[in-house]
């Protein structure tokens, strides 16, 4: 079953640029692996890929092709994916309207607001660990 996911125009632009500039053929997409963990409740990895892997399903939202495994499909139900950019960092954010506030006392882990997970641009790869893609 595919999740009900909202992708903002800013996130769609970011994701589609990653896929377009990856050099992959038409039909390529964005593999998004989400699992439980972290202060906001999510840890995530993503990459541009030519096709879904075994066990992944294709979810198309607002012109974005997401390749999602079973755990990611469960975790993303009701989530809004956005892209935010500040003078010091930029990345995808996952907004869960049902996420409780974080009870962490560590400033390092409590930095993102509740329900938001930042994914840094430097974590982007093409299916396996690779040199970071530099944003211009």
N, C-alpha and C. Protein backbone atom coordinates (compact mmCIF):
# COMPACT_ATOMS: atom_id res chain seq x y z
N UNK A 1 0.84 -1.18 0.00
CA UNK A 1 0.00 0.00 0.00
C UNK A 1 0.88 1.24 0.00
N UNK A 2 0.56 2.21 -0.83
CA UNK A 2 1.35 3.43 -0.92
C UNK A 2 0.84 4.46 0.09
N UNK A 3 1.77 5.20 0.68
CA UNK A 3 1.37 6.17 1.70
C UNK A 3 0.76 7.43 1.10
N UNK A 4 0.02 8.15 1.92
CA UNK A 4 -0.49 9.46 1.57
C UNK A 4 0.58 10.46 1.97
N UNK A 5 1.33 10.97 0.98
CA UNK A 5 2.46 11.87 1.22
C UNK A 5 2.20 13.17 0.49
N UNK A 6 2.52 14.28 1.13
CA UNK A 6 2.46 15.59 0.48
C UNK A 6 3.88 16.04 0.22
N UNK A 7 4.16 16.48 -1.01
CA UNK A 7 5.47 17.02 -1.37
C UNK A 7 5.26 18.46 -1.79
N UNK A 8 5.89 19.37 -1.08
CA UNK A 8 5.73 20.79 -1.39
C UNK A 8 6.43 21.11 -2.72
N UNK A 9 6.07 22.21 -3.37
CA UNK A 9 6.75 22.60 -4.61
C UNK A 9 8.27 22.76 -4.42
N UNK A 10 8.70 23.28 -3.28
CA UNK A 10 10.14 23.45 -3.04
C UNK A 10 10.84 22.10 -2.96
N UNK A 11 10.24 21.12 -2.29
CA UNK A 11 10.82 19.78 -2.20
C UNK A 11 10.82 19.11 -3.57
N UNK A 12 9.74 19.26 -4.32
CA UNK A 12 9.66 18.65 -5.66
C UNK A 12 10.76 19.21 -6.55
N UNK A 13 10.98 20.50 -6.50
CA UNK A 13 12.03 21.13 -7.31
C UNK A 13 13.40 20.56 -6.92
N UNK A 14 13.68 20.47 -5.63
CA UNK A 14 14.96 19.95 -5.15
C UNK A 14 15.15 18.49 -5.59
N UNK A 15 14.15 17.66 -5.36
CA UNK A 15 14.25 16.23 -5.69
C UNK A 15 14.42 16.05 -7.19
N UNK A 16 13.62 16.74 -7.99
CA UNK A 16 13.71 16.59 -9.44
C UNK A 16 15.05 17.07 -9.98
N UNK A 17 15.63 18.09 -9.37
CA UNK A 17 16.96 18.55 -9.79
C UNK A 17 18.02 17.50 -9.48
N UNK A 18 17.93 16.86 -8.32
CA UNK A 18 18.87 15.81 -7.97
C UNK A 18 18.82 14.70 -9.01
N UNK A 19 17.61 14.27 -9.36
CA UNK A 19 17.45 13.19 -10.33
C UNK A 19 17.92 13.63 -11.71
N UNK A 20 17.52 14.82 -12.13
CA UNK A 20 17.88 15.31 -13.47
C UNK A 20 19.39 15.44 -13.63
N UNK A 21 20.09 15.97 -12.62
CA UNK A 21 21.52 16.18 -12.72
C UNK A 21 22.34 14.94 -12.37
N UNK A 22 21.68 13.83 -12.06
CA UNK A 22 22.40 12.60 -11.72
C UNK A 22 22.98 11.92 -12.95
N UNK A 23 22.50 12.28 -14.13
CA UNK A 23 22.98 11.65 -15.35
C UNK A 23 22.28 10.33 -15.65
N UNK A 24 21.26 9.99 -14.88
CA UNK A 24 20.53 8.75 -15.10
C UNK A 24 19.52 8.92 -16.24
N UNK A 25 19.11 7.82 -16.87
CA UNK A 25 18.17 7.91 -17.99
C UNK A 25 16.76 8.34 -17.55
N UNK A 26 15.94 8.66 -18.55
CA UNK A 26 14.54 9.01 -18.27
C UNK A 26 13.90 7.88 -17.49
N UNK A 27 12.99 8.22 -16.59
CA UNK A 27 12.34 7.22 -15.75
C UNK A 27 13.04 7.01 -14.43
N UNK A 28 14.19 7.66 -14.25
CA UNK A 28 14.92 7.56 -12.98
C UNK A 28 14.08 8.20 -11.88
N UNK A 29 14.43 7.90 -10.64
CA UNK A 29 13.68 8.44 -9.52
C UNK A 29 14.55 8.67 -8.31
N UNK A 30 13.91 8.91 -7.20
CA UNK A 30 14.54 9.31 -5.95
C UNK A 30 14.27 8.23 -4.91
N UNK A 31 15.30 7.46 -4.56
CA UNK A 31 15.14 6.43 -3.52
C UNK A 31 15.18 7.13 -2.18
N UNK A 32 14.15 6.91 -1.39
CA UNK A 32 14.05 7.50 -0.06
C UNK A 32 13.86 6.38 0.94
N UNK A 33 14.83 6.24 1.84
CA UNK A 33 14.77 5.21 2.88
C UNK A 33 14.60 5.91 4.23
N UNK A 34 13.47 5.70 4.86
CA UNK A 34 13.15 6.32 6.14
C UNK A 34 12.98 5.20 7.16
N UNK A 35 13.57 5.40 8.33
CA UNK A 35 13.44 4.42 9.40
C UNK A 35 13.29 5.14 10.73
N UNK A 36 12.79 4.44 11.75
CA UNK A 36 12.62 5.08 13.06
C UNK A 36 13.97 5.44 13.66
N UNK A 37 14.00 6.55 14.38
CA UNK A 37 15.22 6.95 15.08
C UNK A 37 15.39 8.45 15.04
N UNK A 38 16.37 8.93 15.77
CA UNK A 38 16.65 10.35 15.80
C UNK A 38 15.68 11.10 16.69
N UNK A 39 16.00 12.33 16.96
CA UNK A 39 15.22 13.16 17.87
C UNK A 39 13.80 13.39 17.34
N UNK A 40 13.67 13.56 16.02
CA UNK A 40 12.34 13.83 15.47
C UNK A 40 11.56 12.57 15.15
N UNK A 41 12.18 11.42 15.35
CA UNK A 41 11.50 10.17 15.07
C UNK A 41 11.90 9.53 13.76
N UNK A 42 12.76 10.18 12.96
CA UNK A 42 13.14 9.67 11.65
C UNK A 42 14.64 9.75 11.43
N UNK A 43 15.17 8.75 10.75
CA UNK A 43 16.49 8.84 10.13
C UNK A 43 16.25 8.53 8.67
N UNK A 44 17.00 9.18 7.79
CA UNK A 44 16.71 9.07 6.37
C UNK A 44 17.98 9.02 5.54
N UNK A 45 17.89 8.34 4.42
CA UNK A 45 18.93 8.32 3.41
C UNK A 45 18.24 8.41 2.07
N UNK A 46 18.90 9.05 1.09
CA UNK A 46 18.30 9.12 -0.23
C UNK A 46 19.36 9.17 -1.31
N UNK A 47 18.95 8.79 -2.52
CA UNK A 47 19.85 8.81 -3.67
C UNK A 47 19.01 8.81 -4.95
N UNK A 48 19.64 9.26 -6.04
CA UNK A 48 19.01 9.16 -7.35
C UNK A 48 19.28 7.76 -7.88
N UNK A 49 18.27 7.12 -8.45
CA UNK A 49 18.39 5.74 -8.93
C UNK A 49 17.69 5.58 -10.27
N UNK A 50 18.17 4.64 -11.08
CA UNK A 50 17.57 4.38 -12.39
C UNK A 50 16.22 3.71 -12.28
N UNK A 51 16.04 2.84 -11.27
CA UNK A 51 14.79 2.07 -11.13
C UNK A 51 14.65 1.61 -9.69
N UNK A 52 13.43 1.24 -9.30
CA UNK A 52 13.25 0.70 -7.95
C UNK A 52 13.98 -0.63 -7.79
N UNK A 53 14.44 -0.92 -6.59
CA UNK A 53 15.04 -2.21 -6.27
C UNK A 53 13.93 -3.19 -5.89
N UNK A 54 14.30 -4.45 -5.79
CA UNK A 54 13.34 -5.48 -5.38
C UNK A 54 12.72 -5.08 -4.03
N UNK A 55 11.41 -5.16 -3.93
CA UNK A 55 10.71 -4.83 -2.70
C UNK A 55 10.31 -3.37 -2.59
N UNK A 56 10.79 -2.52 -3.50
CA UNK A 56 10.41 -1.11 -3.47
C UNK A 56 9.21 -0.89 -4.40
N UNK A 57 8.44 0.14 -4.09
CA UNK A 57 7.32 0.52 -4.95
C UNK A 57 7.54 1.96 -5.40
N UNK A 58 6.99 2.28 -6.55
CA UNK A 58 7.05 3.62 -7.11
C UNK A 58 5.85 4.42 -6.62
N UNK A 59 6.12 5.59 -6.06
CA UNK A 59 5.08 6.54 -5.68
C UNK A 59 5.35 7.83 -6.44
N UNK A 60 4.38 8.25 -7.24
CA UNK A 60 4.52 9.50 -7.99
C UNK A 60 3.61 10.55 -7.37
N UNK A 61 4.23 11.66 -6.95
CA UNK A 61 3.50 12.76 -6.32
C UNK A 61 4.02 14.07 -6.92
N UNK A 62 3.14 14.86 -7.51
CA UNK A 62 3.49 16.17 -8.06
C UNK A 62 4.71 16.11 -8.98
N UNK A 63 4.77 15.10 -9.84
CA UNK A 63 5.88 14.98 -10.78
C UNK A 63 7.15 14.41 -10.19
N UNK A 64 7.11 13.97 -8.95
CA UNK A 64 8.27 13.37 -8.28
C UNK A 64 8.09 11.86 -8.26
N UNK A 65 9.13 11.14 -8.67
CA UNK A 65 9.13 9.68 -8.65
C UNK A 65 9.93 9.21 -7.45
N UNK A 66 9.23 8.69 -6.42
CA UNK A 66 9.88 8.18 -5.22
C UNK A 66 9.91 6.66 -5.27
N UNK A 67 11.06 6.07 -4.93
CA UNK A 67 11.19 4.63 -4.79
C UNK A 67 11.24 4.35 -3.30
N UNK A 68 10.22 3.63 -2.80
CA UNK A 68 10.07 3.43 -1.35
C UNK A 68 10.01 1.95 -0.99
N UNK A 69 10.82 1.58 0.00
CA UNK A 69 10.74 0.25 0.57
C UNK A 69 9.57 0.16 1.52
N UNK A 70 9.28 -1.05 2.01
CA UNK A 70 8.11 -1.27 2.87
C UNK A 70 8.15 -0.43 4.14
N UNK A 71 9.30 -0.38 4.84
CA UNK A 71 9.38 0.39 6.08
C UNK A 71 9.17 1.87 5.81
N UNK A 72 9.74 2.38 4.72
CA UNK A 72 9.58 3.79 4.38
C UNK A 72 8.12 4.12 4.08
N UNK A 73 7.45 3.21 3.39
CA UNK A 73 6.03 3.44 3.08
C UNK A 73 5.21 3.59 4.35
N UNK A 74 5.50 2.77 5.34
CA UNK A 74 4.78 2.87 6.62
C UNK A 74 5.11 4.17 7.35
N UNK A 75 6.38 4.54 7.36
CA UNK A 75 6.83 5.72 8.10
C UNK A 75 6.32 7.03 7.49
N UNK A 76 6.08 7.05 6.19
CA UNK A 76 5.74 8.29 5.50
C UNK A 76 4.25 8.60 5.46
N UNK A 77 3.41 7.73 5.98
CA UNK A 77 1.97 7.97 5.94
C UNK A 77 1.62 9.28 6.63
N UNK A 78 0.98 10.19 5.89
CA UNK A 78 0.53 11.47 6.44
C UNK A 78 1.61 12.54 6.55
N UNK A 79 2.81 12.27 6.06
CA UNK A 79 3.95 13.18 6.19
C UNK A 79 3.95 14.20 5.07
N UNK A 80 4.41 15.41 5.36
CA UNK A 80 4.69 16.42 4.35
C UNK A 80 6.20 16.53 4.20
N UNK A 81 6.67 16.40 2.96
CA UNK A 81 8.10 16.55 2.67
C UNK A 81 8.28 17.94 2.10
N UNK A 82 9.18 18.71 2.70
CA UNK A 82 9.45 20.08 2.29
C UNK A 82 10.96 20.25 2.11
N UNK A 83 11.35 21.35 1.54
CA UNK A 83 12.76 21.72 1.41
C UNK A 83 12.93 23.08 2.05
N UNK A 84 13.90 23.20 2.94
CA UNK A 84 14.15 24.49 3.57
C UNK A 84 15.60 24.88 3.37
N UNK A 85 15.83 26.17 3.30
CA UNK A 85 17.17 26.69 3.10
C UNK A 85 17.36 27.90 4.00
N UNK A 86 18.45 27.85 4.76
CA UNK A 86 18.81 28.96 5.64
C UNK A 86 20.22 29.39 5.25
N UNK A 87 20.71 30.48 5.81
CA UNK A 87 22.08 30.90 5.49
C UNK A 87 23.14 29.86 5.86
N UNK A 88 22.85 28.97 6.79
CA UNK A 88 23.86 28.01 7.24
C UNK A 88 23.62 26.57 6.79
N UNK A 89 22.42 26.22 6.34
CA UNK A 89 22.16 24.85 5.92
C UNK A 89 20.93 24.77 5.05
N UNK A 90 20.84 23.67 4.32
CA UNK A 90 19.64 23.43 3.52
C UNK A 90 19.40 21.92 3.47
N UNK A 91 18.16 21.55 3.24
CA UNK A 91 17.85 20.12 3.15
C UNK A 91 16.36 19.86 3.17
N UNK A 92 16.03 18.58 2.97
CA UNK A 92 14.65 18.15 3.05
C UNK A 92 14.21 18.12 4.51
N UNK A 93 12.96 18.42 4.74
CA UNK A 93 12.39 18.31 6.08
C UNK A 93 11.15 17.43 5.98
N UNK A 94 10.93 16.62 7.00
CA UNK A 94 9.78 15.75 7.09
C UNK A 94 8.91 16.25 8.22
N UNK A 95 7.71 16.68 7.89
CA UNK A 95 6.82 17.28 8.87
C UNK A 95 5.69 16.29 9.18
N UNK A 96 5.67 15.86 10.42
CA UNK A 96 4.66 14.92 10.87
C UNK A 96 3.73 15.65 11.82
N UNK A 97 2.49 15.93 11.41
CA UNK A 97 1.58 16.68 12.25
C UNK A 97 1.21 15.95 13.54
N UNK A 98 1.48 14.65 13.62
CA UNK A 98 1.12 13.88 14.81
C UNK A 98 2.30 13.60 15.72
N UNK A 99 3.48 14.14 15.41
CA UNK A 99 4.68 13.88 16.20
C UNK A 99 4.66 14.72 17.47
N UNK A 100 4.91 14.07 18.61
CA UNK A 100 4.99 14.78 19.88
C UNK A 100 6.31 15.55 19.96
N UNK A 101 6.34 16.56 20.79
CA UNK A 101 7.56 17.34 20.98
C UNK A 101 8.67 16.47 21.54
N UNK A 102 9.89 16.79 21.16
CA UNK A 102 11.05 16.03 21.61
C UNK A 102 11.36 16.37 23.06
N UNK A 103 11.72 15.35 23.85
CA UNK A 103 12.06 15.56 25.25
C UNK A 103 13.55 15.56 25.50
N UNK A 104 14.35 15.67 24.44
CA UNK A 104 15.81 15.62 24.59
C UNK A 104 16.32 16.84 25.35
N UNK A 105 17.40 16.63 26.09
CA UNK A 105 18.03 17.76 26.76
C UNK A 105 19.27 18.21 26.02
N UNK A 106 19.68 17.47 25.01
CA UNK A 106 20.88 17.79 24.26
C UNK A 106 20.55 18.80 23.16
N UNK A 107 21.28 19.90 23.12
CA UNK A 107 21.04 20.90 22.08
C UNK A 107 21.37 20.32 20.71
N UNK A 108 22.34 19.41 20.66
CA UNK A 108 22.73 18.83 19.39
C UNK A 108 21.61 18.00 18.78
N UNK A 109 20.93 17.19 19.56
CA UNK A 109 19.88 16.35 19.01
C UNK A 109 18.53 17.05 19.00
N UNK A 110 18.37 18.09 19.77
CA UNK A 110 17.08 18.77 19.83
C UNK A 110 16.99 19.96 18.90
N UNK A 111 17.99 20.19 18.06
CA UNK A 111 18.02 21.37 17.20
C UNK A 111 16.83 21.47 16.26
N UNK A 112 16.44 20.41 15.52
CA UNK A 112 15.29 20.56 14.64
C UNK A 112 14.00 20.66 15.44
N UNK A 113 13.02 21.42 14.96
CA UNK A 113 11.73 21.45 15.64
C UNK A 113 11.11 20.06 15.63
N UNK A 114 10.17 19.82 16.52
CA UNK A 114 9.54 18.50 16.58
C UNK A 114 8.88 18.17 15.25
N UNK A 115 9.00 16.91 14.85
CA UNK A 115 8.39 16.46 13.61
C UNK A 115 9.16 16.81 12.37
N UNK A 116 10.38 17.35 12.51
CA UNK A 116 11.16 17.77 11.35
C UNK A 116 12.51 17.07 11.37
N UNK A 117 12.88 16.48 10.26
CA UNK A 117 14.18 15.86 10.11
C UNK A 117 14.91 16.56 8.99
N UNK A 118 16.12 17.03 9.22
CA UNK A 118 16.93 17.66 8.19
C UNK A 118 17.78 16.61 7.51
N UNK A 119 17.86 16.67 6.20
CA UNK A 119 18.77 15.82 5.44
C UNK A 119 19.69 16.77 4.70
N UNK A 120 20.97 16.69 4.96
CA UNK A 120 21.93 17.59 4.35
C UNK A 120 22.20 17.20 2.90
N UNK A 121 22.47 18.19 2.07
CA UNK A 121 22.75 17.96 0.66
C UNK A 121 23.94 17.02 0.50
N UNK A 122 24.91 17.10 1.38
CA UNK A 122 26.10 16.26 1.29
C UNK A 122 25.82 14.79 1.47
N UNK A 123 24.62 14.41 1.91
CA UNK A 123 24.31 12.99 2.11
C UNK A 123 23.77 12.33 0.85
N UNK A 124 23.72 13.06 -0.25
CA UNK A 124 23.17 12.54 -1.50
C UNK A 124 24.21 11.66 -2.18
N UNK A 125 23.79 10.49 -2.62
CA UNK A 125 24.65 9.60 -3.38
C UNK A 125 23.90 9.01 -4.54
N UNK A 126 24.55 8.14 -5.29
CA UNK A 126 23.89 7.45 -6.40
C UNK A 126 23.85 5.96 -6.10
N UNK A 127 23.16 5.56 -5.04
CA UNK A 127 22.93 4.17 -4.76
C UNK A 127 23.98 3.52 -3.86
N UNK A 128 25.12 4.12 -3.76
CA UNK A 128 26.18 3.59 -2.90
C UNK A 128 27.00 4.76 -2.42
N UNK A 129 27.80 4.60 -1.37
CA UNK A 129 28.59 5.72 -0.89
C UNK A 129 29.44 6.30 -2.02
N UNK A 130 29.37 7.59 -2.15
CA UNK A 130 30.10 8.29 -3.20
C UNK A 130 30.49 9.66 -2.69
N UNK A 131 31.28 10.35 -3.48
CA UNK A 131 31.66 11.70 -3.12
C UNK A 131 30.43 12.58 -3.08
N UNK A 132 30.35 13.50 -2.13
CA UNK A 132 29.17 14.36 -2.05
C UNK A 132 29.00 15.19 -3.31
N UNK A 133 27.75 15.47 -3.65
CA UNK A 133 27.43 16.37 -4.75
C UNK A 133 27.47 17.78 -4.19
N UNK A 134 28.20 18.65 -4.85
CA UNK A 134 28.32 20.02 -4.37
C UNK A 134 27.24 20.87 -5.00
N UNK A 135 26.53 21.61 -4.18
CA UNK A 135 25.49 22.51 -4.68
C UNK A 135 26.15 23.81 -5.10
N UNK A 136 25.68 24.37 -6.19
CA UNK A 136 26.27 25.65 -6.63
C UNK A 136 25.29 26.77 -6.45
